[in-house]
Amino acid sequence: LDWAGVFAGRGAKLVDLPGYAFQHQRYWVTSAAGQGDAAGLGLDVTGHPLLGAAVTVPGADTVILTGRVPAGTQTWLSGGSALLDLAVHAGDQVGCGTVRQLTIEAPLAPAPGRALAVRAVVDGPDPDGARPVTIFSRPAADLPWTRHARGTLVSAPATTPAWPGDDGAVEVTLPEPVTADGFGLHPALLDAALPGPAVEWRGFTLYAVGATELRARITSVDGGLSLLLADRTGAVVASADRVVLGDLRPVAPVADSLFGVEWREVA
């Protein structure tokens, strides 16, 4: 269309179009992934990125921690260290600073584009004060829970081991842009210190939180490795009596529904 010819002799001129019709503003409330208003629902806020709330079962001395792994979370979830961090956090809520034993049965592995609901159940103490812990997840409310790990939590030792020196120590750094905020010991950093995926932990104690760099001393012991972690100053961050390495395989995803829609050719 010849606009110049249409408006010839009419005194018309070009003007800028208003931009407000093309502006976009989101009015939905945006909250941190997996958190929400836990306190408003009668839950205790714990501050962990993946297990942000807890509730105590009345009369049973059982504590249930709940949270959500958002879709698109980094691949460090697939290592056994992520489940160890959840167990450590669960222990902190009940005054148990040491993971006496934790067996990893399946890694946390959200399907692409799917989030995971996560639960850590800490049962009441036995006569010695040890408390069983079990960690579960599921991708939707109408699907069954998958058990990922189970173990035992106990009180932390009264003393912290000494750092023997840097001979043979391996230095690792938390990769960018990952941050340690909210984690006791970020799983990506702990995975970097290990020569392979961990399938069992024994005697793990966390002495300091928020580390972004570590020095790791790894020693062979019967059936696995012992682990001592320190920061750059030589202050011990964590220790493990024994770590067993192995192969972690994700659980096969469960179909969303027993029924579906399909096309059938009509004769």
C-alpha atoms as a PDB file:
ATOM      1  CA  LEU A   1       0.000   0.000   0.000  1.00  0.00           C
ATOM      2  CA  ASP A   2       1.369   3.438  -0.978  1.00  0.00           C
ATOM      3  CA  TRP A   3       0.817   5.339   2.282  1.00  0.00           C
ATOM      4  CA  ALA A   4       2.580   8.423   0.902  1.00  0.00           C
ATOM      5  CA  GLY A   5       0.046   8.623  -1.927  1.00  0.00           C
ATOM      6  CA  VAL A   6      -2.899   8.083   0.387  1.00  0.00           C
ATOM      7  CA  PHE A   7      -1.957  10.957   2.664  1.00  0.00           C
ATOM      8  CA  ALA A   8      -0.532  13.279  -0.036  1.00  0.00           C
ATOM      9  CA  GLY A   9      -1.688  16.861   0.523  1.00  0.00           C
ATOM     10  CA  ARG A  10      -3.309  16.067   3.885  1.00  0.00           C
ATOM     11  CA  GLY A  11      -0.502  17.361   6.099  1.00  0.00           C
ATOM     12  CA  ALA A  12       0.032  13.910   7.646  1.00  0.00           C
ATOM     13  CA  LYS A  13       3.339  13.079   9.366  1.00  0.00           C
ATOM     14  CA  LEU A  14       5.005  10.091  11.089  1.00  0.00           C
ATOM     15  CA  VAL A  15       4.709   9.797  14.867  1.00  0.00           C
ATOM     16  CA  ASP A  16       6.121   7.242  17.330  1.00  0.00           C
ATOM     17  CA  LEU A  17       3.794   4.489  18.477  1.00  0.00           C
ATOM     18  CA  PRO A  18       3.112   4.300  22.238  1.00  0.00           C
ATOM     19  CA  GLY A  19       5.046   1.496  23.926  1.00  0.00           C
ATOM     20  CA  TYR A  20       2.658   0.686  26.777  1.00  0.00           C
ATOM     21  CA  ALA A  21       0.629  -1.735  24.683  1.00  0.00           C
ATOM     22  CA  PHE A  22       3.694  -3.941  24.317  1.00  0.00           C
ATOM     23  CA  GLN A  23       4.988  -3.721  27.874  1.00  0.00           C
ATOM     24  CA  HIS A  24       4.789  -6.876  29.984  1.00  0.00           C
ATOM     25  CA  GLN A  25       4.469  -7.023  33.738  1.00  0.00           C
ATOM     26  CA  ARG A  26       3.973 -10.210  35.751  1.00  0.00           C
ATOM     27  CA  TYR A  27       1.523  -9.916  38.640  1.00  0.00           C
ATOM     28  CA  TRP A  28       1.829 -13.468  39.992  1.00  0.00           C
ATOM     29  CA  VAL A  29       3.686 -13.737  43.285  1.00  0.00           C
ATOM     30  CA  THR A  30       7.120 -15.327  42.819  1.00  0.00           C
ATOM     31  CA  SER A  31       8.532 -17.271  45.777  1.00  0.00           C
ATOM     32  CA  ALA A  32      11.731 -19.185  46.394  1.00  0.00           C
ATOM     33  CA  ALA A  33      11.724 -22.682  44.917  1.00  0.00           C
ATOM     34  CA  GLY A  34      10.324 -25.286  47.282  1.00  0.00           C
ATOM     35  CA  GLN A  35       9.707 -22.903  50.202  1.00  0.00           C
ATOM     36  CA  GLY A  36       6.323 -21.137  50.281  1.00  0.00           C
ATOM     37  CA  ASP A  37       4.728 -19.978  53.519  1.00  0.00           C
ATOM     38  CA  ALA A  38       5.614 -22.964  55.676  1.00  0.00           C
ATOM     39  CA  ALA A  39       5.016 -21.112  58.933  1.00  0.00           C
ATOM     40  CA  GLY A  40       1.566 -20.070  57.721  1.00  0.00           C
ATOM     41  CA  LEU A  41       0.732 -23.746  57.275  1.00  0.00           C
ATOM     42  CA  GLY A  42       1.744 -24.588  60.840  1.00  0.00           C
ATOM     43  CA  LEU A  43       5.154 -26.008  59.896  1.00  0.00           C
ATOM     44  CA  ASP A  44       8.566 -25.159  61.310  1.00  0.00           C
ATOM     45  CA  VAL A  45      10.836 -23.351  58.826  1.00  0.00           C
ATOM     46  CA  THR A  46      14.259 -25.021  58.613  1.00  0.00           C
ATOM     47  CA  GLY A  47      16.014 -22.895  55.980  1.00  0.00           C
ATOM     48  CA  HIS A  48      17.308 -25.721  53.787  1.00  0.00           C
ATOM     49  CA  PRO A  49      16.911 -25.225  50.006  1.00  0.00           C
ATOM     50  CA  LEU A  50      15.462 -28.720  49.494  1.00  0.00           C
ATOM     51  CA  LEU A  51      13.929 -29.504  52.915  1.00  0.00           C
ATOM     52  CA  GLY A  52      12.538 -26.149  53.950  1.00  0.00           C
ATOM     53  CA  ALA A  53       9.921 -27.182  56.513  1.00  0.00           C
ATOM     54  CA  ALA A  54       9.413 -29.683  59.317  1.00  0.00           C
ATOM     55  CA  VAL A  55       6.596 -30.972  61.489  1.00  0.00           C
ATOM     56  CA  THR A  56       6.661 -33.103  64.634  1.00  0.00           C
ATOM     57  CA  VAL A  57       4.070 -35.879  64.900  1.00  0.00           C
ATOM     58  CA  PRO A  58       2.294 -35.382  68.251  1.00  0.00           C
ATOM     59  CA  GLY A  59       2.779 -38.216  70.720  1.00  0.00           C
ATOM     60  CA  ALA A  60       5.193 -40.134  68.475  1.00  0.00           C
ATOM     61  CA  ASP A  61       8.471 -38.157  68.655  1.00  0.00           C
ATOM     62  CA  THR A  62       8.677 -38.515  64.875  1.00  0.00           C
ATOM     63  CA  VAL A  63       9.856 -35.532  62.832  1.00  0.00           C
ATOM     64  CA  ILE A  64       8.974 -35.219  59.149  1.00  0.00           C
ATOM     65  CA  LEU A  65      10.897 -32.770  56.985  1.00  0.00           C
ATOM     66  CA  THR A  66       9.369 -31.762  53.698  1.00  0.00           C
ATOM     67  CA  GLY A  67      10.459 -29.811  50.660  1.00  0.00           C
ATOM     68  CA  ARG A  68      10.639 -29.755  46.906  1.00  0.00           C
ATOM     69  CA  VAL A  69      13.340 -30.255  44.299  1.00  0.00           C
ATOM     70  CA  PRO A  70      12.436 -27.793  41.529  1.00  0.00           C
ATOM     71  CA  ALA A  71      12.517 -28.763  37.869  1.00  0.00           C
ATOM     72  CA  GLY A  72      15.846 -28.072  36.193  1.00  0.00           C
ATOM     73  CA  THR A  73      17.959 -28.555  39.341  1.00  0.00           C
ATOM     74  CA  GLN A  74      21.632 -29.249  38.666  1.00  0.00           C
ATOM     75  CA  THR A  75      23.015 -32.732  38.050  1.00  0.00           C
ATOM     76  CA  TRP A  76      24.766 -32.807  41.447  1.00  0.00           C
ATOM     77  CA  LEU A  77      21.527 -34.274  42.779  1.00  0.00           C
ATOM     78  CA  SER A  78      22.408 -37.604  41.182  1.00  0.00           C
ATOM     79  CA  GLY A  79      25.300 -38.264  43.572  1.00  0.00           C
ATOM     80  CA  GLY A  80      24.970 -39.828  47.008  1.00  0.00           C
ATOM     81  CA  SER A  81      26.222 -36.626  48.642  1.00  0.00           C
ATOM     82  CA  ALA A  82      22.880 -34.886  48.091  1.00  0.00           C
ATOM     83  CA  LEU A  83      21.066 -37.495  50.163  1.00  0.00           C
ATOM     84  CA  LEU A  84      23.764 -37.329  52.819  1.00  0.00           C
ATOM     85  CA  ASP A  85      23.225 -33.571  53.098  1.00  0.00           C
ATOM     86  CA  LEU A  86      19.488 -34.152  53.600  1.00  0.00           C
ATOM     87  CA  ALA A  87      20.222 -36.697  56.334  1.00  0.00           C
ATOM     88  CA  VAL A  88      22.636 -34.298  58.044  1.00  0.00           C
ATOM     89  CA  HIS A  89      20.032 -31.538  57.936  1.00  0.00           C
ATOM     90  CA  ALA A  90      17.391 -33.888  59.339  1.00  0.00           C
ATOM     91  CA  GLY A  91      19.761 -34.809  62.159  1.00  0.00           C
ATOM     92  CA  ASP A  92      20.312 -31.151  62.998  1.00  0.00           C
ATOM     93  CA  GLN A  93      16.564 -30.765  63.615  1.00  0.00           C
ATOM     94  CA  VAL A  94      16.568 -33.466  66.305  1.00  0.00           C
ATOM     95  CA  GLY A  95      19.943 -32.818  67.951  1.00  0.00           C
ATOM     96  CA  CYS A  96      21.820 -35.616  66.178  1.00  0.00           C
ATOM     97  CA  GLY A  97      25.033 -34.256  64.665  1.00  0.00           C
ATOM     98  CA  THR A  98      26.436 -37.497  63.249  1.00  0.00           C
ATOM     99  CA  VAL A  99      25.157 -39.815  60.555  1.00  0.00           C
ATOM    100  CA  ARG A 100      26.157 -43.162  62.006  1.00  0.00           C
ATOM    101  CA  GLN A 101      25.189 -44.995  58.828  1.00  0.00           C
ATOM    102  CA  LEU A 102      23.392 -44.103  55.599  1.00  0.00           C
ATOM    103  CA  THR A 103      22.754 -46.502  52.723  1.00  0.00           C
ATOM    104  CA  ILE A 104      21.939 -44.900  49.361  1.00  0.00           C
ATOM    105  CA  GLU A 105      19.402 -46.996  47.455  1.00  0.00           C
ATOM    106  CA  ALA A 106      18.640 -44.662  44.535  1.00  0.00           C
ATOM    107  CA  PRO A 107      19.757 -41.118  43.642  1.00  0.00           C
ATOM    108  CA  LEU A 108      17.450 -38.140  43.461  1.00  0.00           C
ATOM    109  CA  ALA A 109      16.846 -37.832  39.733  1.00  0.00           C
ATOM    110  CA  PRO A 110      13.944 -35.593  38.664  1.00  0.00           C
ATOM    111  CA  ALA A 111      12.601 -36.315  35.198  1.00  0.00           C
ATOM    112  CA  PRO A 112      13.189 -33.474  32.694  1.00  0.00           C
ATOM    113  CA  GLY A 113      10.779 -30.639  33.373  1.00  0.00           C
ATOM    114  CA  ARG A 114       9.405 -32.285  36.523  1.00  0.00           C
ATOM    115  CA  ALA A 115       9.798 -31.309  40.169  1.00  0.00           C
ATOM    116  CA  LEU A 116      10.065 -33.751  43.070  1.00  0.00           C
ATOM    117  CA  ALA A 117       8.396 -33.638  46.462  1.00  0.00           C
ATOM    118  CA  VAL A 118      10.915 -34.762  49.104  1.00  0.00           C
ATOM    119  CA  ARG A 119      10.348 -36.166  52.591  1.00  0.00           C
ATOM    120  CA  ALA A 120      12.815 -37.098  55.315  1.00  0.00           C
ATOM    121  CA  VAL A 121      11.275 -39.073  58.175  1.00  0.00           C
ATOM    122  CA  VAL A 122      13.161 -39.209  61.480  1.00  0.00           C
ATOM    123  CA  ASP A 123      11.678 -41.731  63.895  1.00  0.00           C
ATOM    124  CA  GLY A 124      11.893 -41.557  67.659  1.00  0.00           C
ATOM    125  CA  PRO A 125      15.097 -42.561  69.482  1.00  0.00           C
ATOM    126  CA  ASP A 126      15.940 -46.058  70.620  1.00  0.00           C
ATOM    127  CA  PRO A 127      17.201 -46.649  74.202  1.00  0.00           C
ATOM    128  CA  ASP A 128      20.707 -45.549  73.131  1.00  0.00           C
ATOM    129  CA  GLY A 129      19.445 -42.314  71.575  1.00  0.00           C
ATOM    130  CA  ALA A 130      19.928 -43.374  67.939  1.00  0.00           C
ATOM    131  CA  ARG A 131      17.179 -42.300  65.530  1.00  0.00           C
ATOM    132  CA  PRO A 132      16.322 -44.005  62.218  1.00  0.00           C
ATOM    133  CA  VAL A 133      16.075 -41.719  59.176  1.00  0.00           C
ATOM    134  CA  THR A 134      14.507 -42.486  55.791  1.00  0.00           C
ATOM    135  CA  ILE A 135      14.364 -40.229  52.716  1.00  0.00           C
ATOM    136  CA  PHE A 136      11.662 -40.433  50.035  1.00  0.00           C
ATOM    137  CA  SER A 137      10.507 -38.547  46.935  1.00  0.00           C
ATOM    138  CA  ARG A 138       7.697 -38.590  44.389  1.00  0.00           C
ATOM    139  CA  PRO A 139       6.960 -36.457  41.299  1.00  0.00           C
ATOM    140  CA  ALA A 140       3.210 -36.084  41.870  1.00  0.00           C
ATOM    141  CA  ALA A 141       0.624 -36.550  44.614  1.00  0.00           C
ATOM    142  CA  ASP A 142      -1.055 -39.477  42.834  1.00  0.00           C
ATOM    143  CA  LEU A 143       2.181 -41.456  42.411  1.00  0.00           C
ATOM    144  CA  PRO A 144       3.904 -43.739  44.944  1.00  0.00           C
ATOM    145  CA  TRP A 145       6.867 -42.654  47.058  1.00  0.00           C
ATOM    146  CA  THR A 146      10.373 -43.845  46.145  1.00  0.00           C
ATOM    147  CA  ARG A 147      12.727 -44.625  49.011  1.00  0.00           C
ATOM    148  CA  HIS A 148      16.177 -43.201  48.299  1.00  0.00           C
ATOM    149  CA  ALA A 149      18.141 -43.723  51.506  1.00  0.00           C
ATOM    150  CA  ARG A 150      17.855 -45.019  55.036  1.00  0.00           C
ATOM    151  CA  GLY A 151      20.176 -44.932  58.015  1.00  0.00           C
ATOM    152  CA  THR A 152      20.720 -43.914  61.616  1.00  0.00           C
ATOM    153  CA  LEU A 153      21.428 -40.588  63.299  1.00  0.00           C
ATOM    154  CA  VAL A 154      23.301 -40.200  66.611  1.00  0.00           C
ATOM    155  CA  SER A 155      24.810 -37.443  68.723  1.00  0.00           C
ATOM    156  CA  ALA A 156      28.027 -35.846  67.465  1.00  0.00           C
ATOM    157  CA  PRO A 157      31.338 -36.632  69.182  1.00  0.00           C
ATOM    158  CA  ALA A 158      32.543 -34.221  71.858  1.00  0.00           C
ATOM    159  CA  THR A 159      35.827 -33.416  70.088  1.00  0.00           C
ATOM    160  CA  THR A 160      36.824 -32.378  66.571  1.00  0.00           C
ATOM    161  CA  PRO A 161      39.626 -34.291  64.829  1.00  0.00           C
ATOM    162  CA  ALA A 162      42.850 -32.410  64.077  1.00  0.00           C
ATOM    163  CA  TRP A 163      44.004 -31.658  60.555  1.00  0.00           C
ATOM    164  CA  PRO A 164      47.314 -33.520  60.108  1.00  0.00           C
ATOM    165  CA  GLY A 165      48.657 -31.367  57.279  1.00  0.00           C
ATOM    166  CA  ASP A 166      48.452 -30.885  53.548  1.00  0.00           C
ATOM    167  CA  ASP A 167      50.614 -33.829  52.449  1.00  0.00           C
ATOM    168  CA  GLY A 168      48.559 -35.785  49.928  1.00  0.00           C
ATOM    169  CA  ALA A 169      45.528 -33.509  50.294  1.00  0.00           C
ATOM    170  CA  VAL A 170      43.328 -32.739  47.294  1.00  0.00           C
ATOM    171  CA  GLU A 171      41.932 -29.222  46.881  1.00  0.00           C
ATOM    172  CA  VAL A 172      38.418 -28.761  45.473  1.00  0.00           C
ATOM    173  CA  THR A 173      36.257 -25.694  44.845  1.00  0.00           C
ATOM    174  CA  LEU A 174      32.504 -25.276  44.523  1.00  0.00           C
ATOM    175  CA  PRO A 175      31.855 -24.639  40.812  1.00  0.00           C
ATOM    176  CA  GLU A 176      30.254 -21.379  39.732  1.00  0.00           C
ATOM    177  CA  PRO A 177      27.473 -20.293  39.745  1.00  0.00           C
ATOM    178  CA  VAL A 178      26.524 -22.785  42.489  1.00  0.00           C
ATOM    179  CA  THR A 179      26.290 -21.255  45.978  1.00  0.00           C
ATOM    180  CA  ALA A 180      26.526 -22.922  49.369  1.00  0.00           C
ATOM    181  CA  ASP A 181      23.662 -20.881  50.852  1.00  0.00           C
ATOM    182  CA  GLY A 182      21.393 -23.005  53.027  1.00  0.00           C
ATOM    183  CA  PHE A 183      23.375 -26.235  52.666  1.00  0.00           C
ATOM    184  CA  GLY A 184      25.433 -27.758  55.439  1.00  0.00           C
ATOM    185  CA  LEU A 185      28.058 -28.956  52.961  1.00  0.00           C
ATOM    186  CA  HIS A 186      27.021 -28.476  49.357  1.00  0.00           C
ATOM    187  CA  PRO A 187      26.732 -31.858  47.585  1.00  0.00           C
ATOM    188  CA  ALA A 188      28.592 -30.588  44.502  1.00  0.00           C
ATOM    189  CA  LEU A 189      31.608 -29.734  46.658  1.00  0.00           C
ATOM    190  CA  LEU A 190      31.553 -33.062  48.496  1.00  0.00           C
ATOM    191  CA  ASP A 191      31.140 -34.978  45.226  1.00  0.00           C
ATOM    192  CA  ALA A 192      34.200 -33.164  43.840  1.00  0.00           C
ATOM    193  CA  ALA A 193      36.271 -34.441  46.771  1.00  0.00           C
ATOM    194  CA  LEU A 194      35.346 -38.092  46.134  1.00  0.00           C
ATOM    195  CA  PRO A 195      36.753 -40.342  43.390  1.00  0.00           C
ATOM    196  CA  GLY A 196      33.298 -41.770  42.637  1.00  0.00           C
ATOM    197  CA  PRO A 197      29.630 -41.892  43.734  1.00  0.00           C
ATOM    198  CA  ALA A 198      29.069 -42.847  47.367  1.00  0.00           C
ATOM    199  CA  VAL A 199      26.573 -45.628  48.101  1.00  0.00           C
ATOM    200  CA  GLU A 200      27.165 -45.865  51.855  1.00  0.00           C
ATOM    201  CA  TRP A 201      28.349 -43.482  54.556  1.00  0.00           C
ATOM    202  CA  ARG A 202      29.474 -44.369  58.076  1.00  0.00           C
ATOM    203  CA  GLY A 203      30.383 -42.032  60.896  1.00  0.00           C
ATOM    204  CA  PHE A 204      29.906 -38.747  59.006  1.00  0.00           C
ATOM    205  CA  THR A 205      30.039 -35.570  61.098  1.00  0.00           C
ATOM    206  CA  LEU A 206      29.793 -31.975  59.865  1.00  0.00           C
ATOM    207  CA  TYR A 207      31.668 -29.465  62.033  1.00  0.00           C
ATOM    208  CA  ALA A 208      31.279 -26.263  59.976  1.00  0.00           C
ATOM    209  CA  VAL A 209      28.812 -25.081  57.328  1.00  0.00           C
ATOM    210  CA  GLY A 210      28.992 -22.921  54.222  1.00  0.00           C
ATOM    211  CA  ALA A 211      32.343 -24.087  52.814  1.00  0.00           C
ATOM    212  CA  THR A 212      33.119 -23.196  49.187  1.00  0.00           C
ATOM    213  CA  GLU A 213      36.657 -24.618  49.111  1.00  0.00           C
ATOM    214  CA  LEU A 214      37.998 -27.774  50.722  1.00  0.00           C
ATOM    215  CA  ARG A 215      41.172 -29.735  51.295  1.00  0.00           C
ATOM    216  CA  ALA A 216      40.421 -33.460  51.287  1.00  0.00           C
ATOM    217  CA  ARG A 217      42.516 -36.265  52.777  1.00  0.00           C
ATOM    218  CA  ILE A 218      41.360 -39.685  51.610  1.00  0.00           C
ATOM    219  CA  THR A 219      42.721 -42.883  53.165  1.00  0.00           C
ATOM    220  CA  SER A 220      41.942 -46.487  52.307  1.00  0.00           C
ATOM    221  CA  VAL A 221      40.228 -48.422  55.084  1.00  0.00           C
ATOM    222  CA  ASP A 222      38.616 -51.832  55.259  1.00  0.00           C
ATOM    223  CA  GLY A 223      35.908 -51.896  52.600  1.00  0.00           C
ATOM    224  CA  GLY A 224      36.086 -48.240  51.635  1.00  0.00           C
ATOM    225  CA  LEU A 225      37.698 -44.871  52.242  1.00  0.00           C
ATOM    226  CA  SER A 226      38.017 -42.581  55.258  1.00  0.00           C
ATOM    227  CA  LEU A 227      37.563 -38.887  54.619  1.00  0.00           C
ATOM    228  CA  LEU A 228      38.803 -35.759  56.373  1.00  0.00           C
ATOM    229  CA  LEU A 229      37.865 -32.315  55.027  1.00  0.00           C
ATOM    230  CA  ALA A 230      39.282 -28.940  56.051  1.00  0.00           C
ATOM    231  CA  ASP A 231      39.138 -25.354  54.843  1.00  0.00           C
ATOM    232  CA  ARG A 232      42.132 -23.339  53.656  1.00  0.00           C
ATOM    233  CA  THR A 233      43.101 -22.438  57.224  1.00  0.00           C
ATOM    234  CA  GLY A 234      43.280 -26.087  58.274  1.00  0.00           C
ATOM    235  CA  ALA A 235      40.065 -25.974  60.314  1.00  0.00           C
ATOM    236  CA  VAL A 236      38.277 -29.316  59.977  1.00  0.00           C
ATOM    237  CA  VAL A 237      34.912 -29.040  58.179  1.00  0.00           C
ATOM    238  CA  ALA A 238      33.757 -32.679  58.137  1.00  0.00           C
ATOM    239  CA  SER A 239      34.930 -36.253  58.598  1.00  0.00           C
ATOM    240  CA  ALA A 240      33.714 -39.722  57.668  1.00  0.00           C
ATOM    241  CA  ASP A 241      34.917 -42.995  59.168  1.00  0.00           C
ATOM    242  CA  ARG A 242      34.109 -44.897  55.989  1.00  0.00           C
ATOM    243  CA  VAL A 243      32.701 -44.110  52.568  1.00  0.00           C
ATOM    244  CA  VAL A 244      31.805 -46.950  50.215  1.00  0.00           C
ATOM    245  CA  LEU A 245      31.824 -46.095  46.512  1.00  0.00           C
ATOM    246  CA  GLY A 246      29.681 -47.816  43.921  1.00  0.00           C
ATOM    247  CA  ASP A 247      27.228 -47.459  41.068  1.00  0.00           C
ATOM    248  CA  LEU A 248      24.080 -45.392  41.599  1.00  0.00           C
ATOM    249  CA  ARG A 249      21.230 -46.124  39.208  1.00  0.00           C
ATOM    250  CA  PRO A 250      18.085 -43.991  39.066  1.00  0.00           C
ATOM    251  CA  VAL A 251      14.757 -45.665  39.687  1.00  0.00           C
ATOM    252  CA  ALA A 252      12.725 -46.089  36.495  1.00  0.00           C
ATOM    253  CA  PRO A 253      10.149 -43.288  36.255  1.00  0.00           C
ATOM    254  CA  VAL A 254       6.545 -44.153  37.013  1.00  0.00           C
ATOM    255  CA  ALA A 255       3.955 -43.321  34.373  1.00  0.00           C
ATOM    256  CA  ASP A 256       1.706 -40.386  35.240  1.00  0.00           C
ATOM    257  CA  SER A 257      -1.489 -42.358  34.631  1.00  0.00           C
ATOM    258  CA  LEU A 258      -2.731 -45.861  34.004  1.00  0.00           C
ATOM    259  CA  PHE A 259      -4.844 -44.506  31.142  1.00  0.00           C
ATOM    260  CA  GLY A 260      -4.044 -42.456  28.072  1.00  0.00           C
ATOM    261  CA  VAL A 261      -5.470 -41.195  24.801  1.00  0.00           C
ATOM    262  CA  GLU A 262      -4.514 -42.801  21.500  1.00  0.00           C
ATOM    263  CA  TRP A 263      -5.808 -42.734  17.914  1.00  0.00           C
ATOM    264  CA  ARG A 264      -7.298 -45.841  16.348  1.00  0.00           C
ATOM    265  CA  GLU A 265      -7.979 -46.169  12.656  1.00  0.00           C
ATOM    266  CA  VAL A 266     -11.627 -46.751  11.847  1.00  0.00           C
ATOM    267  CA  ALA A 267     -12.223 -49.257   9.059  1.00  0.00           C
END
